[in-house]
Amino acid sequence: MQTTSTVRCHHCGSKCETDLHKIEDKTFCCPGCKTIFELFAESGNSAYYEGRSLSTELEKYSFLDNYEIARKLINFSSAGVNHISLNLPAVHCSSCVYVLENLPKVHEGVIRLTLNFTEKKASIYYDPELISLRQLASLLDSIGYPPNFDTQKSATENESSRSLVIKIGVAGFCFGNIMLLSFPSYLGMESADLDMFGPFFQSIMLLLAVPVVFYGGKDYLVQAFKSIISGHIHIDVPIALGIITLFARSAFEIITQVGDGYLDSLSGLVFFLLLGRWFQQRAYSHLSFERDYTSYFPLAVLKEVNTGETISIPVGQIETDHILIIRHNEIIPADSILLSDQARIDYSFVTGENRSTELEKGAFLYAGGRQLGPSIRVKATKPCSQSYLTQLWNNPAFDNQKDNYRHLMINQVSRYFTWIVILIAVVAGVVWHTADQSRMWEIVSAVLIVACPCALALATPFTNGNSLRIFGRNHLYLRNSDTAEQLGKTDVIVFDKTGTLTSAGDGKTSYEGRSLSVHEQHLISQLAAQSTHPISRKIAVHMVEQESLLQIKSFAEIPGKGIEGEVDGHFLRIGSEKWITGSQQNRGRVLVEIDGDVAGYFHFTSHLRPGLQQALSHLGKEYPIIVLSGDNEHDRSWLAEILPQATEMQFNMSPFEKLEFIKQLQVGGKRVLMIGDGLNDAGALQQSDVGFAVTEDVSQFSPASDGIIEGSKLIDLPDFLQFSNWSHRIIVLSFILSFLYNAVGISLAVGGFLTPVIAAILMPVSSISVVAFTTISGNFLARKLQL
């Protein structure tokens, strides 16, 4: 076997250890890179490899090969999948979203990429066996999106903003001086002195235009070039063509002395493009709807203050070295070290794969893992990143592939828009070459610059993003902005009963059965305390408070049935009568079994949440309402008295039966809003078009849900649905405005009524105006509904 240590992979640029993987004169480091090259060749994207300096790009990111550096950047690492969040400052329009989110088609090592447009942040899952972090950074750089690894985001933003301001200053200085030197032409002055000094002044103007084009317009030119060689045509391509066209034509006219050129229009064009981009960044910064996670994210955790004593704190208050108690089915909110002897962690919240991992004391635990089993003690190694937890919540593994027609439509528009604009510009050039050749280049440039699909692409995320922020401040926390739109399409509402229509904190808890010793009460309380389910917590509170922590060897929670585990050498089960005794009767009791002996049962009384009857009455006039309950029918009579008359009620339903019921509604063409318990109703919540998990406090979190709503805020559900409907109308109006802008703008440019300078002013104004319209309209409607 011959080693070729100095040969680099034709695809990724890595050093090739062997020459086993070759196609003609091209060598590849592995079969994966070879396959990608073949796919590129078959699809006509071989241009991806042209003009690249892979060695230079890889050296640029060589520091990422350092394990300690990489570990600080990576959010999660496991066999076959790493997760990282990267800032991509070059992101600025809708085409960027299309190019980046299709990166998995470019390299098989990239599993999934989602882009937060307003934050310019990409969430990337990749296979480290197929592509290293260094290669991933190089790949992003090669297509025009070099990642910024500065951990201080504000410093990054300031540096980017400062660079843009300097470019505006340079372009403005040159624009002003070119205008000044062009005054004689504007005034139509003719004299011998002008004939003598005219070429000299024109040469100065040409020199001034060089920094305007190649420094001020650098971002547009580089982005366009990289998009072309990567095979994905970007919206910056027509802008770059307009700039190059004006510069080349002007240089030709000045050098050959056949005209004055268009340097004033060119410099004004670049100046106003840069100024417009600065205004866009400012507008997006002020109108960015990234939520205040400290205020809105509904998650808390138990912090150990003394041995055996705990207090509940919001995850935003977690600090390094805090000792946390993670109960069964709870999320680990921050990277931690395991202090308990054992833990069973499910990372499906992070990876999307439903697989648990057995870990022992001292193991490193990543944020986002879920504990399966008895409560564990962990020590936080860094504060909680709440934005990261929300990012994990948007893992497609918890998505039901809900209707995404508008997103697909926008992607298609962004994909073909550039080609359509170029075609229109070519046709306009041909027509004006015949009608007035002197204006041809100006017309072509104006057409290339004035067209912009960004307003179309921004209408939906900014409208829904504003809705998300408004819902959040009213304690309805949604998974993402798309959920805000899906909510408005609801045509049937399904409620769970226990803990949803009724409050877990209301009503009385009573025990009937044989007398329990203090130790037995400790056993029951300790087992119940492992669960976050409302009924388990009520049982734990009802029992005598344990004097000391008892050893729990095992614990399991069976949705729809109950909990079981071994506590201090005793095996206990707490759950439904059917599960424990096999009885077919369901009398709404929760039995307690200790070492195979049924000791007694708990009984709970229920009451409807305050103010909910009026809200349900209002909803019943607009939507069919269905109640699904796992309890028996003993509550049917009092529910029938307070619910709308046409309400359908189903009892004795298992979690699986609830899920199948939702499926049948959807088969019938219904769009279902399901509101229920985050644990027992997880399947139904995920199956529904929109699923809300109701929380009494902030310790329970269900990634299967699309939203989390505080129980006391269910009374505002009619207003939430109405606001979502109105937001949909705002989006439609925004689309109309965007289409009208492009239709009118392109028509005026083709007709010769727009100069490139005016086109450069109008392009960013269109995006800003649509964003402002959606934001102001949404805020007005929210105030009208008192949200």
Foldseek 3Di string as FASTA:
>chain_A
DDADQPDAALQQRHGAGDQPQDDVPGGHNDVQSSVLCVVCVVVVLNLLSPPDDNVVLLVVLVVCVDPVLVVVAWQDDDQFKTKGKWAFVLQDFDLVQLVVQCCCSNGVQWPGWHADRLRNMIITMGGCVRANPSSVQSVCVLLQGRTDPPPPVVVVVVVVLVLLVVLLVLLVVLLVLLVVLCVCVVVVDDDPVCVVCVLVSLVVNLVSLVCLCCPLVVSLQVNQVSCVSSPAGALSVLLNVLLVLQSVVCVVCSVVVVDNGDSSLNSLLSSLLSVLSSVVSVLSVVLPLPAPCQQFVQAWFWWDPDAVDTDIDRLQPDAAFTKTKAFAFFWQQAWWFFQAAKWWKAQCLQVVDGDIDIDGGGDIDRGGIGTHKGITIIGHHGGGDSVVSLVSLPPCSLALPFDDVLVVVLSVCRRCVLVVLLVLLVVLLVVCCVVPVVCSSQLSSLSSQLADCRLLVVLQQSLLSLLQRLVRVLRKHFSGSVLLLLLLQAFAEEEEPPCFQWNLVDWDKDWDFADDDLVRLCVLLLQLVSDPDSVSPNSNVPGDPDPHAWDWPTKHADQLFFIWTATNNKTKTWGFPCNLPVDPDFPQWIWIAINNRTGTTMHTDTDGDPLVLVLQVVVVVRHAYEYEYLHDCPCVVVCCVRHPVRYHYYYNDFLVRLLVVQVVCVVVVGQYEYEEAQPRNLNNQLSHSAYEHEDCHSHDDHSSHRIYGHSNSSSCVVVSNVLSNVSVVLSVVSNVLSVVSNVVSSVCSSVVNDGSSNSSNNNSVSNSVSSVSSNVVSVVSCVVSVD
